[in-house]
PDB file of N, CA and C in Angstrom:
ATOM      1  N   MET A   1     127.056 115.582  63.427  1.00  0.00           N
ATOM      2  CA  MET A   1     127.150 115.169  64.444  1.00  0.00           C
ATOM      3  C   MET A   1     127.334 115.029  63.538  1.00  0.00           C
ATOM      4  N   ARG A   2     129.008 114.748  65.223  1.00  0.00           N
ATOM      5  CA  ARG A   2     130.723 113.400  64.774  1.00  0.00           C
ATOM      6  C   ARG A   2     130.606 111.677  65.125  1.00  0.00           C
ATOM      7  N   TYR A   3     130.613 111.158  64.926  1.00  0.00           N
ATOM      8  CA  TYR A   3     130.785 110.012  65.887  1.00  0.00           C
ATOM      9  C   TYR A   3     132.468 110.095  66.753  1.00  0.00           C
ATOM     10  N   VAL A   4     132.025 109.532  68.067  1.00  0.00           N
ATOM     11  CA  VAL A   4     132.798 109.417  69.221  1.00  0.00           C
ATOM     12  C   VAL A   4     135.033 109.323  68.306  1.00  0.00           C
ATOM     13  N   ASP A   5     134.497 107.962  67.425  1.00  0.00           N
ATOM     14  CA  ASP A   5     135.785 107.912  66.333  1.00  0.00           C
ATOM     15  C   ASP A   5     136.421 109.236  66.372  1.00  0.00           C
ATOM     16  N   GLU A   6     135.183 109.845  65.911  1.00  0.00           N
ATOM     17  CA  GLU A   6     136.641 110.859  64.876  1.00  0.00           C
ATOM     18  C   GLU A   6     136.676 112.106  66.353  1.00  0.00           C
ATOM     19  N   GLU A   7     136.025 111.889  67.140  1.00  0.00           N
ATOM     20  CA  GLU A   7     136.806 112.985  68.511  1.00  0.00           C
ATOM     21  C   GLU A   7     137.668 112.801  68.844  1.00  0.00           C
ATOM     22  N   VAL A   8     138.032 111.156  68.797  1.00  0.00           N
ATOM     23  CA  VAL A   8     139.243 110.926  69.049  1.00  0.00           C
ATOM     24  C   VAL A   8     140.597 111.478  68.087  1.00  0.00           C
ATOM     25  N   LEU A   9     140.538 110.984  66.997  1.00  0.00           N
ATOM     26  CA  LEU A   9     140.625 110.825  65.459  1.00  0.00           C
ATOM     27  C   LEU A   9     141.166 112.634  65.392  1.00  0.00           C
ATOM     28  N   TYR A  10     140.903 113.331  65.563  1.00  0.00           N
ATOM     29  CA  TYR A  10     140.373 114.565  65.868  1.00  0.00           C
ATOM     30  C   TYR A  10     141.503 116.140  67.116  1.00  0.00           C
ATOM     31  N   SER A  11     141.337 114.271  68.181  1.00  0.00           N
ATOM     32  CA  SER A  11     142.222 114.986  68.973  1.00  0.00           C
ATOM     33  C   SER A  11     143.449 114.421  69.407  1.00  0.00           C
ATOM     34  N   LYS A  12     144.672 114.239  68.329  1.00  0.00           N
ATOM     35  CA  LYS A  12     145.964 114.000  68.201  1.00  0.00           C
ATOM     36  C   LYS A  12     146.413 113.816  67.263  1.00  0.00           C
ATOM     37  N   PRO A  13     147.489 114.479  67.353  1.00  0.00           N
ATOM     38  CA  PRO A  13     148.085 115.724  65.712  1.00  0.00           C
ATOM     39  C   PRO A  13     148.343 114.873  64.840  1.00  0.00           C
ATOM     40  N   PHE A  14     147.573 115.099  63.422  1.00  0.00           N
ATOM     41  CA  PHE A  14     147.841 114.505  62.065  1.00  0.00           C
ATOM     42  C   PHE A  14     148.750 113.252  62.925  1.00  0.00           C
ATOM     43  N   SER A  15     148.737 112.100  61.459  1.00  0.00           N
ATOM     44  CA  SER A  15     149.362 111.390  60.959  1.00  0.00           C
ATOM     45  C   SER A  15     148.411 110.889  60.546  1.00  0.00           C
ATOM     46  N   ILE A  16     148.757 110.024  58.729  1.00  0.00           N
ATOM     47  CA  ILE A  16     148.424 109.647  57.477  1.00  0.00           C
ATOM     48  C   ILE A  16     148.215 107.877  57.877  1.00  0.00           C
ATOM     49  N   GLU A  17     148.818 107.245  58.136  1.00  0.00           N
ATOM     50  CA  GLU A  17     148.805 106.044  59.270  1.00  0.00           C
ATOM     51  C   GLU A  17     147.430 105.710  59.971  1.00  0.00           C
ATOM     52  N   ARG A  18     147.200 107.444  61.052  1.00  0.00           N
ATOM     53  CA  ARG A  18     146.201 107.696  61.704  1.00  0.00           C
ATOM     54  C   ARG A  18     144.597 106.888  60.694  1.00  0.00           C
ATOM     55  N   HIS A  19     144.801 108.995  60.066  1.00  0.00           N
ATOM     56  CA  HIS A  19     143.768 109.502  59.468  1.00  0.00           C
ATOM     57  C   HIS A  19     142.860 107.414  58.601  1.00  0.00           C
ATOM     58  N   LYS A  20     143.910 106.892  58.048  1.00  0.00           N
ATOM     59  CA  LYS A  20     143.915 106.036  57.223  1.00  0.00           C
ATOM     60  C   LYS A  20     142.955 104.999  58.165  1.00  0.00           C
ATOM     61  N   GLU A  21     142.811 104.542  58.620  1.00  0.00           N
ATOM     62  CA  GLU A  21     141.941 104.031  59.669  1.00  0.00           C
ATOM     63  C   GLU A  21     140.339 103.699  59.953  1.00  0.00           C
ATOM     64  N   PHE A  22     139.693 105.823  59.686  1.00  0.00           N
ATOM     65  CA  PHE A  22     139.087 106.388  59.210  1.00  0.00           C
ATOM     66  C   PHE A  22     138.586 106.440  58.014  1.00  0.00           C
ATOM     67  N   PRO A  23     138.310 105.357  56.862  1.00  0.00           N
ATOM     68  CA  PRO A  23     138.356 105.743  55.606  1.00  0.00           C
ATOM     69  C   PRO A  23     137.011 106.252  55.436  1.00  0.00           C
ATOM     70  N   TYR A  24     136.207 106.815  56.031  1.00  0.00           N
ATOM     71  CA  TYR A  24     135.005 107.740  55.952  1.00  0.00           C
ATOM     72  C   TYR A  24     134.578 108.686  56.074  1.00  0.00           C
ATOM     73  N   VAL A  25     135.917 109.419  56.799  1.00  0.00           N
ATOM     74  CA  VAL A  25     136.471 110.528  57.262  1.00  0.00           C
ATOM     75  C   VAL A  25     137.256 111.034  56.100  1.00  0.00           C
ATOM     76  N   SER A  26     136.269 112.177  54.854  1.00  0.00           N
ATOM     77  CA  SER A  26     136.840 113.554  53.923  1.00  0.00           C
ATOM     78  C   SER A  26     138.205 113.703  55.284  1.00  0.00           C
ATOM     79  N   LEU A  27     139.162 114.400  54.108  1.00  0.00           N
ATOM     80  CA  LEU A  27     140.363 115.190  54.185  1.00  0.00           C
ATOM     81  C   LEU A  27     139.626 116.756  54.348  1.00  0.00           C
ATOM     82  N   GLU A  28     140.932 116.936  55.159  1.00  0.00           N
ATOM     83  CA  GLU A  28     140.304 118.566  55.461  1.00  0.00           C
ATOM     84  C   GLU A  28     141.102 118.686  56.169  1.00  0.00           C
ATOM     85  N   VAL A  29     141.965 119.773  55.625  1.00  0.00           N
ATOM     86  CA  VAL A  29     143.162 119.492  56.701  1.00  0.00           C
ATOM     87  C   VAL A  29     143.766 121.089  55.955  1.00  0.00           C
ATOM     88  N   ILE A  30     145.544 121.703  56.190  1.00  0.00           N
ATOM     89  CA  ILE A  30     146.026 123.003  56.276  1.00  0.00           C
ATOM     90  C   ILE A  30     147.065 122.566  56.366  1.00  0.00           C
ATOM     91  N   ILE A  31     147.829 122.904  55.374  1.00  0.00           N
ATOM     92  CA  ILE A  31     149.666 122.291  55.813  1.00  0.00           C
ATOM     93  C   ILE A  31     150.275 123.867  55.776  1.00  0.00           C
ATOM     94  N   SER A  32     151.611 123.734  56.528  1.00  0.00           N
ATOM     95  CA  SER A  32     151.551 124.778  57.345  1.00  0.00           C
ATOM     96  C   SER A  32     152.762 125.139  56.331  1.00  0.00           C
ATOM     97  N   PRO A  33     153.653 126.570  55.948  1.00  0.00           N
ATOM     98  CA  PRO A  33     154.785 126.834  54.855  1.00  0.00           C
ATOM     99  C   PRO A  33     155.670 125.279  55.333  1.00  0.00           C
ATOM    100  N   THR A  34     156.289 124.403  56.228  1.00  0.00           N
ATOM    101  CA  THR A  34     156.552 124.465  56.602  1.00  0.00           C
ATOM    102  C   THR A  34     156.536 122.748  56.591  1.00  0.00           C
ATOM    103  N   GLY A  35     155.117 122.692  56.111  1.00  0.00           N
ATOM    104  CA  GLY A  35     154.748 121.290  55.210  1.00  0.00           C
ATOM    105  C   GLY A  35     154.420 119.674  56.687  1.00  0.00           C
ATOM    106  N   GLU A  36     154.153 121.403  57.845  1.00  0.00           N
ATOM    107  CA  GLU A  36     153.147 120.106  58.682  1.00  0.00           C
ATOM    108  C   GLU A  36     151.897 120.089  58.755  1.00  0.00           C
ATOM    109  N   VAL A  37     150.644 119.465  58.829  1.00  0.00           N
ATOM    110  CA  VAL A  37     149.821 118.903  58.509  1.00  0.00           C
ATOM    111  C   VAL A  37     149.479 118.836  60.214  1.00  0.00           C
ATOM    112  N   GLU A  38     147.757 119.593  60.458  1.00  0.00           N
ATOM    113  CA  GLU A  38     147.072 119.537  61.633  1.00  0.00           C
ATOM    114  C   GLU A  38     145.702 119.542  60.076  1.00  0.00           C
ATOM    115  N   TYR A  39     144.998 119.293  61.003  1.00  0.00           N
ATOM    116  CA  TYR A  39     142.793 119.496  60.848  1.00  0.00           C
ATOM    117  C   TYR A  39     143.207 120.227  60.439  1.00  0.00           C
ATOM    118  N   ALA A  40     142.118 120.615  59.214  1.00  0.00           N
ATOM    119  CA  ALA A  40     141.248 121.784  59.474  1.00  0.00           C
ATOM    120  C   ALA A  40     139.531 122.147  60.543  1.00  0.00           C
ATOM    121  N   LEU A  41     140.670 122.652  61.215  1.00  0.00           N
ATOM    122  CA  LEU A  41     139.244 122.826  62.461  1.00  0.00           C
ATOM    123  C   LEU A  41     139.087 123.439  63.675  1.00  0.00           C
ATOM    124  N   PRO A  42     137.949 123.965  63.716  1.00  0.00           N
ATOM    125  CA  PRO A  42     136.994 124.014  63.592  1.00  0.00           C
ATOM    126  C   PRO A  42     136.157 123.888  61.806  1.00  0.00           C
ATOM    127  N   SER A  43     137.088 124.759  61.477  1.00  0.00           N
ATOM    128  CA  SER A  43     137.032 125.212  59.529  1.00  0.00           C
ATOM    129  C   SER A  43     137.783 125.770  59.022  1.00  0.00           C
ATOM    130  N   HIS A  44     138.420 125.481  58.519  1.00  0.00           N
ATOM    131  CA  HIS A  44     139.073 126.267  57.205  1.00  0.00           C
ATOM    132  C   HIS A  44     139.749 127.305  57.148  1.00  0.00           C
ATOM    133  N   GLN A  45     138.200 127.902  56.842  1.00  0.00           N
ATOM    134  CA  GLN A  45     138.476 129.555  57.066  1.00  0.00           C
ATOM    135  C   GLN A  45     138.545 129.822  58.417  1.00  0.00           C
ATOM    136  N   GLU A  46     137.992 129.547  59.772  1.00  0.00           N
ATOM    137  CA  GLU A  46     138.216 129.940  60.495  1.00  0.00           C
ATOM    138  C   GLU A  46     139.432 128.915  61.076  1.00  0.00           C
ATOM    139  N   TYR A  47     140.324 128.694  60.734  1.00  0.00           N
ATOM    140  CA  TYR A  47     141.420 127.641  61.190  1.00  0.00           C
ATOM    141  C   TYR A  47     142.573 129.413  60.413  1.00  0.00           C
ATOM    142  N   LEU A  48     142.641 129.436  59.089  1.00  0.00           N
ATOM    143  CA  LEU A  48     142.916 129.918  58.411  1.00  0.00           C
ATOM    144  C   LEU A  48     142.708 132.103  59.001  1.00  0.00           C
ATOM    145  N   ILE A  49     142.228 131.987  59.602  1.00  0.00           N
ATOM    146  CA  ILE A  49     140.913 134.010  60.312  1.00  0.00           C
ATOM    147  C   ILE A  49     141.944 133.486  61.992  1.00  0.00           C
ATOM    148  N   ALA A  50     141.895 132.742  62.724  1.00  0.00           N
ATOM    149  CA  ALA A  50     142.958 132.492  63.706  1.00  0.00           C
ATOM    150  C   ALA A  50     143.858 132.932  63.377  1.00  0.00           C
ATOM    151  N   LYS A  51     145.213 131.947  62.309  1.00  0.00           N
ATOM    152  CA  LYS A  51     146.551 132.343  62.155  1.00  0.00           C
ATOM    153  C   LYS A  51     146.459 133.307  61.410  1.00  0.00           C
ATOM    154  N   ALA A  52     145.584 134.266  60.398  1.00  0.00           N
ATOM    155  CA  ALA A  52     146.318 135.413  60.094  1.00  0.00           C
ATOM    156  C   ALA A  52     145.699 136.444  61.471  1.00  0.00           C
ATOM    157  N   MET A  53     144.765 136.470  62.378  1.00  0.00           N
ATOM    158  CA  MET A  53     144.952 137.117  63.192  1.00  0.00           C
ATOM    159  C   MET A  53     146.030 136.953  64.204  1.00  0.00           C
ATOM    160  N   GLU A  54     146.942 135.498  64.839  1.00  0.00           N
ATOM    161  CA  GLU A  54     147.918 135.966  65.215  1.00  0.00           C
ATOM    162  C   GLU A  54     148.744 136.268  64.537  1.00  0.00           C
ATOM    163  N   LYS A  55     149.237 136.124  63.938  1.00  0.00           N
ATOM    164  CA  LYS A  55     150.497 136.216  62.386  1.00  0.00           C
ATOM    165  C   LYS A  55     150.540 138.573  62.959  1.00  0.00           C
ATOM    166  N   GLN A  56     149.551 138.469  62.728  1.00  0.00           N
ATOM    167  CA  GLN A  56     149.296 139.804  61.761  1.00  0.00           C
ATOM    168  C   GLN A  56     148.933 141.041  63.266  1.00  0.00           C
ATOM    169  N   GLN A  57     148.553 139.998  64.034  1.00  0.00           N
ATOM    170  CA  GLN A  57     148.092 140.528  65.568  1.00  0.00           C
ATOM    171  C   GLN A  57     146.995 141.970  65.599  1.00  0.00           C
ATOM    172  N   TRP A  58     145.938 140.691  65.112  1.00  0.00           N
ATOM    173  CA  TRP A  58     144.924 142.008  65.138  1.00  0.00           C
ATOM    174  C   TRP A  58     143.329 140.786  65.147  1.00  0.00           C
ATOM    175  N   THR A  59     142.464 141.495  65.937  1.00  0.00           N
ATOM    176  CA  THR A  59     141.557 141.503  67.158  1.00  0.00           C
ATOM    177  C   THR A  59     140.450 140.405  65.677  1.00  0.00           C
ATOM    178  N   ARG A  60     140.005 139.860  65.111  1.00  0.00           N
ATOM    179  CA  ARG A  60     138.699 139.469  64.352  1.00  0.00           C
ATOM    180  C   ARG A  60     137.989 140.593  63.745  1.00  0.00           C
ATOM    181  N   GLN A  61     137.881 141.846  64.757  1.00  0.00           N
ATOM    182  CA  GLN A  61     136.858 143.146  63.278  1.00  0.00           C
ATOM    183  C   GLN A  61     137.929 143.691  62.727  1.00  0.00           C
ATOM    184  N   GLU A  62     139.559 144.418  63.342  1.00  0.00           N
ATOM    185  CA  GLU A  62     140.694 144.160  62.847  1.00  0.00           C
ATOM    186  C   GLU A  62     140.546 143.704  61.224  1.00  0.00           C
ATOM    187  N   LEU A  63     141.252 142.203  61.413  1.00  0.00           N
ATOM    188  CA  LEU A  63     141.106 141.158  59.478  1.00  0.00           C
ATOM    189  C   LEU A  63     140.105 141.206  59.215  1.00  0.00           C
ATOM    190  N   MET A  64     138.119 141.174  59.672  1.00  0.00           N
ATOM    191  CA  MET A  64     138.018 141.520  58.243  1.00  0.00           C
ATOM    192  C   MET A  64     137.897 142.666  57.756  1.00  0.00           C
ATOM    193  N   ASP A  65     138.260 144.757  58.621  1.00  0.00           N
ATOM    194  CA  ASP A  65     138.493 145.047  57.775  1.00  0.00           C
ATOM    195  C   ASP A  65     139.341 145.443  57.180  1.00  0.00           C
ATOM    196  N   ALA A  66     140.326 144.925  57.963  1.00  0.00           N
ATOM    197  CA  ALA A  66     141.762 144.607  56.261  1.00  0.00           C
ATOM    198  C   ALA A  66     141.858 144.669  55.175  1.00  0.00           C
ATOM    199  N   CYS A  67     140.878 142.889  55.102  1.00  0.00           N
ATOM    200  CA  CYS A  67     140.057 142.581  54.078  1.00  0.00           C
ATOM    201  C   CYS A  67     139.972 143.934  52.481  1.00  0.00           C
ATOM    202  N   PRO A  68     141.224 143.835  52.152  1.00  0.00           N
ATOM    203  CA  PRO A  68     140.138 144.821  51.302  1.00  0.00           C
ATOM    204  C   PRO A  68     139.408 144.507  49.446  1.00  0.00           C
ATOM    205  N   PRO A  69     138.732 145.077  49.115  1.00  0.00           N
ATOM    206  CA  PRO A  69     137.324 144.563  48.176  1.00  0.00           C
ATOM    207  C   PRO A  69     137.261 143.675  47.479  1.00  0.00           C
ATOM    208  N   GLU A  70     138.472 143.906  46.593  1.00  0.00           N
ATOM    209  CA  GLU A  70     138.404 142.756  45.995  1.00  0.00           C
ATOM    210  C   GLU A  70     139.546 141.132  46.153  1.00  0.00           C
ATOM    211  N   PHE A  71     138.998 141.294  47.423  1.00  0.00           N
ATOM    212  CA  PHE A  71     138.986 140.338  48.299  1.00  0.00           C
ATOM    213  C   PHE A  71     137.914 139.854  49.220  1.00  0.00           C
ATOM    214  N   TYR A  72     136.621 140.203  48.252  1.00  0.00           N
ATOM    215  CA  TYR A  72     135.609 140.092  49.303  1.00  0.00           C
ATOM    216  C   TYR A  72     135.347 138.810  48.678  1.00  0.00           C
ATOM    217  N   PHE A  73     135.959 138.357  47.421  1.00  0.00           N
ATOM    218  CA  PHE A  73     134.805 136.577  46.626  1.00  0.00           C
ATOM    219  C   PHE A  73     136.284 136.159  46.823  1.00  0.00           C
ATOM    220  N   SER A  74     137.244 136.124  47.317  1.00  0.00           N
ATOM    221  CA  SER A  74     138.425 135.248  47.579  1.00  0.00           C
ATOM    222  C   SER A  74     139.245 135.612  48.929  1.00  0.00           C
ATOM    223  N   PHE A  75     138.413 135.761  49.653  1.00  0.00           N
ATOM    224  CA  PHE A  75     138.225 135.003  51.470  1.00  0.00           C
ATOM    225  C   PHE A  75     139.427 134.692  51.295  1.00  0.00           C
ATOM    226  N   MET A  76     139.639 133.486  51.780  1.00  0.00           N
ATOM    227  CA  MET A  76     140.070 132.353  51.610  1.00  0.00           C
ATOM    228  C   MET A  76     141.819 132.765  51.201  1.00  0.00           C
ATOM    229  N   GLU A  77     142.000 133.494  49.861  1.00  0.00           N
ATOM    230  CA  GLU A  77     143.549 133.655  49.541  1.00  0.00           C
ATOM    231  C   GLU A  77     144.106 134.136  49.402  1.00  0.00           C
ATOM    232  N   TRP A  78     143.222 135.218  50.349  1.00  0.00           N
ATOM    233  CA  TRP A  78     143.504 137.299  50.694  1.00  0.00           C
ATOM    234  C   TRP A  78     143.638 136.256  52.502  1.00  0.00           C
ATOM    235  N   LEU A  79     143.644 135.288  53.030  1.00  0.00           N
ATOM    236  CA  LEU A  79     143.264 134.779  54.810  1.00  0.00           C
ATOM    237  C   LEU A  79     144.813 133.887  54.608  1.00  0.00           C
ATOM    238  N   ILE A  80     145.028 133.131  53.605  1.00  0.00           N
ATOM    239  CA  ILE A  80     146.927 132.326  53.438  1.00  0.00           C
ATOM    240  C   ILE A  80     147.497 133.453  53.299  1.00  0.00           C
ATOM    241  N   GLU A  81     147.616 134.309  52.121  1.00  0.00           N
ATOM    242  CA  GLU A  81     149.368 135.438  51.870  1.00  0.00           C
ATOM    243  C   GLU A  81     148.802 135.721  53.821  1.00  0.00           C
ATOM    244  N   ASN A  82     147.622 135.956  54.291  1.00  0.00           N
ATOM    245  CA  ASN A  82     148.430 137.046  55.698  1.00  0.00           C
ATOM    246  C   ASN A  82     148.087 136.445  57.065  1.00  0.00           C
ATOM    247  N   SER A  83     147.972 134.920  57.001  1.00  0.00           N
ATOM    248  CA  SER A  83     148.431 133.551  57.406  1.00  0.00           C
ATOM    249  C   SER A  83     150.416 133.176  57.639  1.00  0.00           C
ATOM    250  N   GLY A  84     150.392 133.371  57.245  1.00  0.00           N
ATOM    251  CA  GLY A  84     151.954 132.545  56.890  1.00  0.00           C
ATOM    252  C   GLY A  84     151.559 131.871  55.636  1.00  0.00           C
ATOM    253  N   GLY A  85     151.002 132.051  54.632  1.00  0.00           N
ATOM    254  CA  GLY A  85     151.336 130.639  53.472  1.00  0.00           C
ATOM    255  C   GLY A  85     150.853 129.466  53.894  1.00  0.00           C
ATOM    256  N   TYR A  86     149.609 129.169  55.123  1.00  0.00           N
ATOM    257  CA  TYR A  86     149.655 128.410  55.245  1.00  0.00           C
ATOM    258  C   TYR A  86     148.479 127.906  54.576  1.00  0.00           C
ATOM    259  N   ILE A  87     148.168 126.456  53.353  1.00  0.00           N
ATOM    260  CA  ILE A  87     147.403 125.792  53.025  1.00  0.00           C
ATOM    261  C   ILE A  87     146.463 125.239  53.591  1.00  0.00           C
ATOM    262  N   PRO A  88     144.997 125.358  52.818  1.00  0.00           N
ATOM    263  CA  PRO A  88     144.081 124.686  52.598  1.00  0.00           C
ATOM    264  C   PRO A  88     143.822 123.977  51.742  1.00  0.00           C
ATOM    265  N   VAL A  89     143.209 122.216  52.576  1.00  0.00           N
ATOM    266  CA  VAL A  89     143.328 121.041  51.659  1.00  0.00           C
ATOM    267  C   VAL A  89     141.999 120.341  51.882  1.00  0.00           C
ATOM    268  N   TRP A  90     141.580 119.738  50.638  1.00  0.00           N
ATOM    269  CA  TRP A  90     139.713 119.185  50.756  1.00  0.00           C
ATOM    270  C   TRP A  90     140.925 117.682  49.705  1.00  0.00           C
ATOM    271  N   GLU A  91     140.264 116.338  50.396  1.00  0.00           N
ATOM    272  CA  GLU A  91     139.958 115.278  49.497  1.00  0.00           C
ATOM    273  C   GLU A  91     140.373 115.025  47.863  1.00  0.00           C
ATOM    274  N   GLN A  92     139.788 116.624  47.005  1.00  0.00           N
ATOM    275  CA  GLN A  92     139.346 116.560  45.977  1.00  0.00           C
ATOM    276  C   GLN A  92     140.517 117.827  44.971  1.00  0.00           C
ATOM    277  N   TRP A  93     140.577 118.573  46.360  1.00  0.00           N
ATOM    278  CA  TRP A  93     141.498 119.968  45.785  1.00  0.00           C
ATOM    279  C   TRP A  93     141.914 120.640  46.844  1.00  0.00           C
ATOM    280  N   VAL A  94     143.339 121.896  45.884  1.00  0.00           N
ATOM    281  CA  VAL A  94     143.356 122.616  46.982  1.00  0.00           C
ATOM    282  C   VAL A  94     143.705 123.625  46.553  1.00  0.00           C
ATOM    283  N   LEU A  95     143.536 124.902  46.814  1.00  0.00           N
ATOM    284  CA  LEU A  95     143.572 126.518  46.157  1.00  0.00           C
ATOM    285  C   LEU A  95     144.333 126.294  45.181  1.00  0.00           C
ATOM    286  N   ASP A  96     144.327 126.756  44.565  1.00  0.00           N
ATOM    287  CA  ASP A  96     145.681 127.063  43.348  1.00  0.00           C
ATOM    288  C   ASP A  96     145.818 128.060  44.109  1.00  0.00           C
ATOM    289  N   TYR A  97     147.270 128.220  44.601  1.00  0.00           N
ATOM    290  CA  TYR A  97     148.028 129.356  45.140  1.00  0.00           C
ATOM    291  C   TYR A  97     149.359 129.128  45.401  1.00  0.00           C
ATOM    292  N   PRO A  98     150.422 129.117  44.494  1.00  0.00           N
ATOM    293  CA  PRO A  98     152.136 127.836  44.535  1.00  0.00           C
ATOM    294  C   PRO A  98     152.275 127.933  45.762  1.00  0.00           C
ATOM    295  N   VAL A  99     152.920 126.909  46.312  1.00  0.00           N
ATOM    296  CA  VAL A  99     153.018 126.824  47.302  1.00  0.00           C
ATOM    297  C   VAL A  99     154.482 126.266  47.427  1.00  0.00           C
ATOM    298  N   THR A 100     154.513 125.760  48.271  1.00  0.00           N
ATOM    299  CA  THR A 100     156.135 125.718  49.379  1.00  0.00           C
ATOM    300  C   THR A 100     156.513 124.645  48.958  1.00  0.00           C
ATOM    301  N   ARG A 101     158.226 124.442  48.335  1.00  0.00           N
ATOM    302  CA  ARG A 101     158.231 123.199  48.927  1.00  0.00           C
ATOM    303  C   ARG A 101     158.073 121.924  49.697  1.00  0.00           C
ATOM    304  N   LYS A 102     158.187 121.875  50.250  1.00  0.00           N
ATOM    305  CA  LYS A 102     157.940 121.091  51.638  1.00  0.00           C
ATOM    306  C   LYS A 102     156.203 121.148  51.561  1.00  0.00           C
ATOM    307  N   GLN A 103     155.004 122.075  51.521  1.00  0.00           N
ATOM    308  CA  GLN A 103     153.838 121.832  51.599  1.00  0.00           C
ATOM    309  C   GLN A 103     154.155 120.621  50.203  1.00  0.00           C
ATOM    310  N   ALA A 104     154.376 121.077  48.902  1.00  0.00           N
ATOM    311  CA  ALA A 104     154.098 120.277  47.827  1.00  0.00           C
ATOM    312  C   ALA A 104     154.549 118.278  48.443  1.00  0.00           C
ATOM    313  N   SER A 105     155.653 118.241  48.943  1.00  0.00           N
ATOM    314  CA  SER A 105     156.736 117.686  48.679  1.00  0.00           C
ATOM    315  C   SER A 105     154.961 116.400  50.231  1.00  0.00           C
ATOM    316  N   MET A 106     154.762 116.916  51.291  1.00  0.00           N
ATOM    317  CA  MET A 106     153.254 116.879  51.716  1.00  0.00           C
ATOM    318  C   MET A 106     152.233 116.587  51.284  1.00  0.00           C
ATOM    319  N   LEU A 107     152.323 117.070  50.333  1.00  0.00           N
ATOM    320  CA  LEU A 107     150.846 116.801  48.943  1.00  0.00           C
ATOM    321  C   LEU A 107     151.632 115.597  48.429  1.00  0.00           C
ATOM    322  N   ARG A 108     152.542 115.618  48.397  1.00  0.00           N
ATOM    323  CA  ARG A 108     152.688 114.502  47.264  1.00  0.00           C
ATOM    324  C   ARG A 108     152.500 113.091  48.093  1.00  0.00           C
ATOM    325  N   LYS A 109     152.839 112.686  49.228  1.00  0.00           N
ATOM    326  CA  LYS A 109     152.675 111.970  50.370  1.00  0.00           C
ATOM    327  C   LYS A 109     151.397 111.196  50.644  1.00  0.00           C
ATOM    328  N   LEU A 110     150.012 112.223  50.775  1.00  0.00           N
ATOM    329  CA  LEU A 110     149.792 112.426  51.232  1.00  0.00           C
ATOM    330  C   LEU A 110     148.357 111.617  50.142  1.00  0.00           C
ATOM    331  N   LYS A 111     149.288 112.094  48.467  1.00  0.00           N
ATOM    332  CA  LYS A 111     148.004 111.740  47.349  1.00  0.00           C
ATOM    333  C   LYS A 111     148.997 110.589  47.620  1.00  0.00           C
ATOM    334  N   LEU A 112     150.362 109.872  48.288  1.00  0.00           N
ATOM    335  CA  LEU A 112     151.305 108.266  47.037  1.00  0.00           C
ATOM    336  C   LEU A 112     150.062 107.113  48.735  1.00  0.00           C
ATOM    337  N   ALA A 113     149.696 108.258  49.309  1.00  0.00           N
ATOM    338  CA  ALA A 113     149.020 107.057  50.461  1.00  0.00           C
ATOM    339  C   ALA A 113     147.474 106.917  50.073  1.00  0.00           C
ATOM    340  N   GLY A 114     146.793 107.655  48.800  1.00  0.00           N
ATOM    341  CA  GLY A 114     145.365 107.612  48.762  1.00  0.00           C
ATOM    342  C   GLY A 114     144.472 109.088  49.062  1.00  0.00           C
ATOM    343  N   LEU A 115     145.375 109.355  50.133  1.00  0.00           N
ATOM    344  CA  LEU A 115     144.179 110.846  50.639  1.00  0.00           C
ATOM    345  C   LEU A 115     144.023 111.625  50.435  1.00  0.00           C
ATOM    346  N   TYR A 116     144.579 112.370  49.386  1.00  0.00           N
ATOM    347  CA  TYR A 116     145.031 113.423  48.785  1.00  0.00           C
ATOM    348  C   TYR A 116     144.515 112.897  46.949  1.00  0.00           C
ATOM    349  N   LYS A 117     143.305 113.314  46.648  1.00  0.00           N
ATOM    350  CA  LYS A 117     142.890 112.338  45.324  1.00  0.00           C
ATOM    351  C   LYS A 117     143.164 113.988  44.355  1.00  0.00           C
ATOM    352  N   GLY A 118     143.463 115.236  44.281  1.00  0.00           N
ATOM    353  CA  GLY A 118     143.432 116.436  43.975  1.00  0.00           C
ATOM    354  C   GLY A 118     145.136 116.659  42.766  1.00  0.00           C
ATOM    355  N   ALA A 119     144.875 118.192  42.561  1.00  0.00           N
ATOM    356  CA  ALA A 119     145.896 118.243  41.450  1.00  0.00           C
ATOM    357  C   ALA A 119     146.664 118.560  41.903  1.00  0.00           C
ATOM    358  N   MET A 120     148.004 118.295  42.100  1.00  0.00           N
ATOM    359  CA  MET A 120     148.742 119.202  42.838  1.00  0.00           C
ATOM    360  C   MET A 120     148.686 120.730  41.426  1.00  0.00           C
ATOM    361  N   PRO A 121     149.116 121.741  43.035  1.00  0.00           N
ATOM    362  CA  PRO A 121     149.427 123.049  42.732  1.00  0.00           C
ATOM    363  C   PRO A 121     150.899 123.569  42.742  1.00  0.00           C
ATOM    364  N   LYS A 122     151.398 124.976  42.003  1.00  0.00           N
ATOM    365  CA  LYS A 122     152.256 125.148  41.770  1.00  0.00           C
ATOM    366  C   LYS A 122     153.276 124.915  42.521  1.00  0.00           C
ATOM    367  N   GLU A 123     154.418 125.140  42.556  1.00  0.00           N
ATOM    368  CA  GLU A 123     155.105 125.201  43.857  1.00  0.00           C
ATOM    369  C   GLU A 123     155.469 127.177  43.730  1.00  0.00           C
ATOM    370  N   GLU A 124     156.298 126.687  44.639  1.00  0.00           N
ATOM    371  CA  GLU A 124     156.412 128.741  44.835  1.00  0.00           C
ATOM    372  C   GLU A 124     158.119 129.088  43.493  1.00  0.00           C
ATOM    373  N   GLU A 125     158.197 129.892  43.031  1.00  0.00           N
ATOM    374  CA  GLU A 125     159.980 129.607  42.875  1.00  0.00           C
ATOM    375  C   GLU A 125     160.462 130.259  44.042  1.00  0.00           C
ATOM    376  N   ASP A 126     160.756 130.876  44.583  1.00  0.00           N
ATOM    377  CA  ASP A 126     161.290 131.576  45.495  1.00  0.00           C
ATOM    378  C   ASP A 126     161.858 131.050  46.748  1.00  0.00           C
ATOM    379  N   ASN A 127     161.738 129.298  46.956  1.00  0.00           N
ATOM    380  CA  ASN A 127     161.869 128.656  47.847  1.00  0.00           C
ATOM    381  C   ASN A 127     163.096 128.316  48.156  1.00  0.00           C
ATOM    382  N   ALA A 128     162.883 127.985  50.071  1.00  0.00           N
ATOM    383  CA  ALA A 128     164.840 126.234  49.981  1.00  0.00           C
ATOM    384  C   ALA A 128     163.589 125.820  49.772  1.00  0.00           C
TER     385      ALA A 128
END
């Protein structure tokens, strides 16, 4: 069950300042390849599924059928790739997946603000 003020928080675009007003709410966000942050609603996996379906023009069943067996136990990694590079971020960690320069910059901002407490992932080598 969510608190009423959490619903207010999630109903608006992500803001570091606003999120800091809710210290009991864990950081659970998605960062786009361009560095934009959105709350991971309803969950990280479902957010990535929706992005992958949109990017690939697949139905949910087509998406599930397209996942190769070698990714059955690393489904989120496969979703990151098929969503266009959106990365899931939790307060304490991020998946070990190369990030864009803009994603790394946003993670540093979140870290400096005290919201992200995990290690910094590797940046992609070929990004601008």
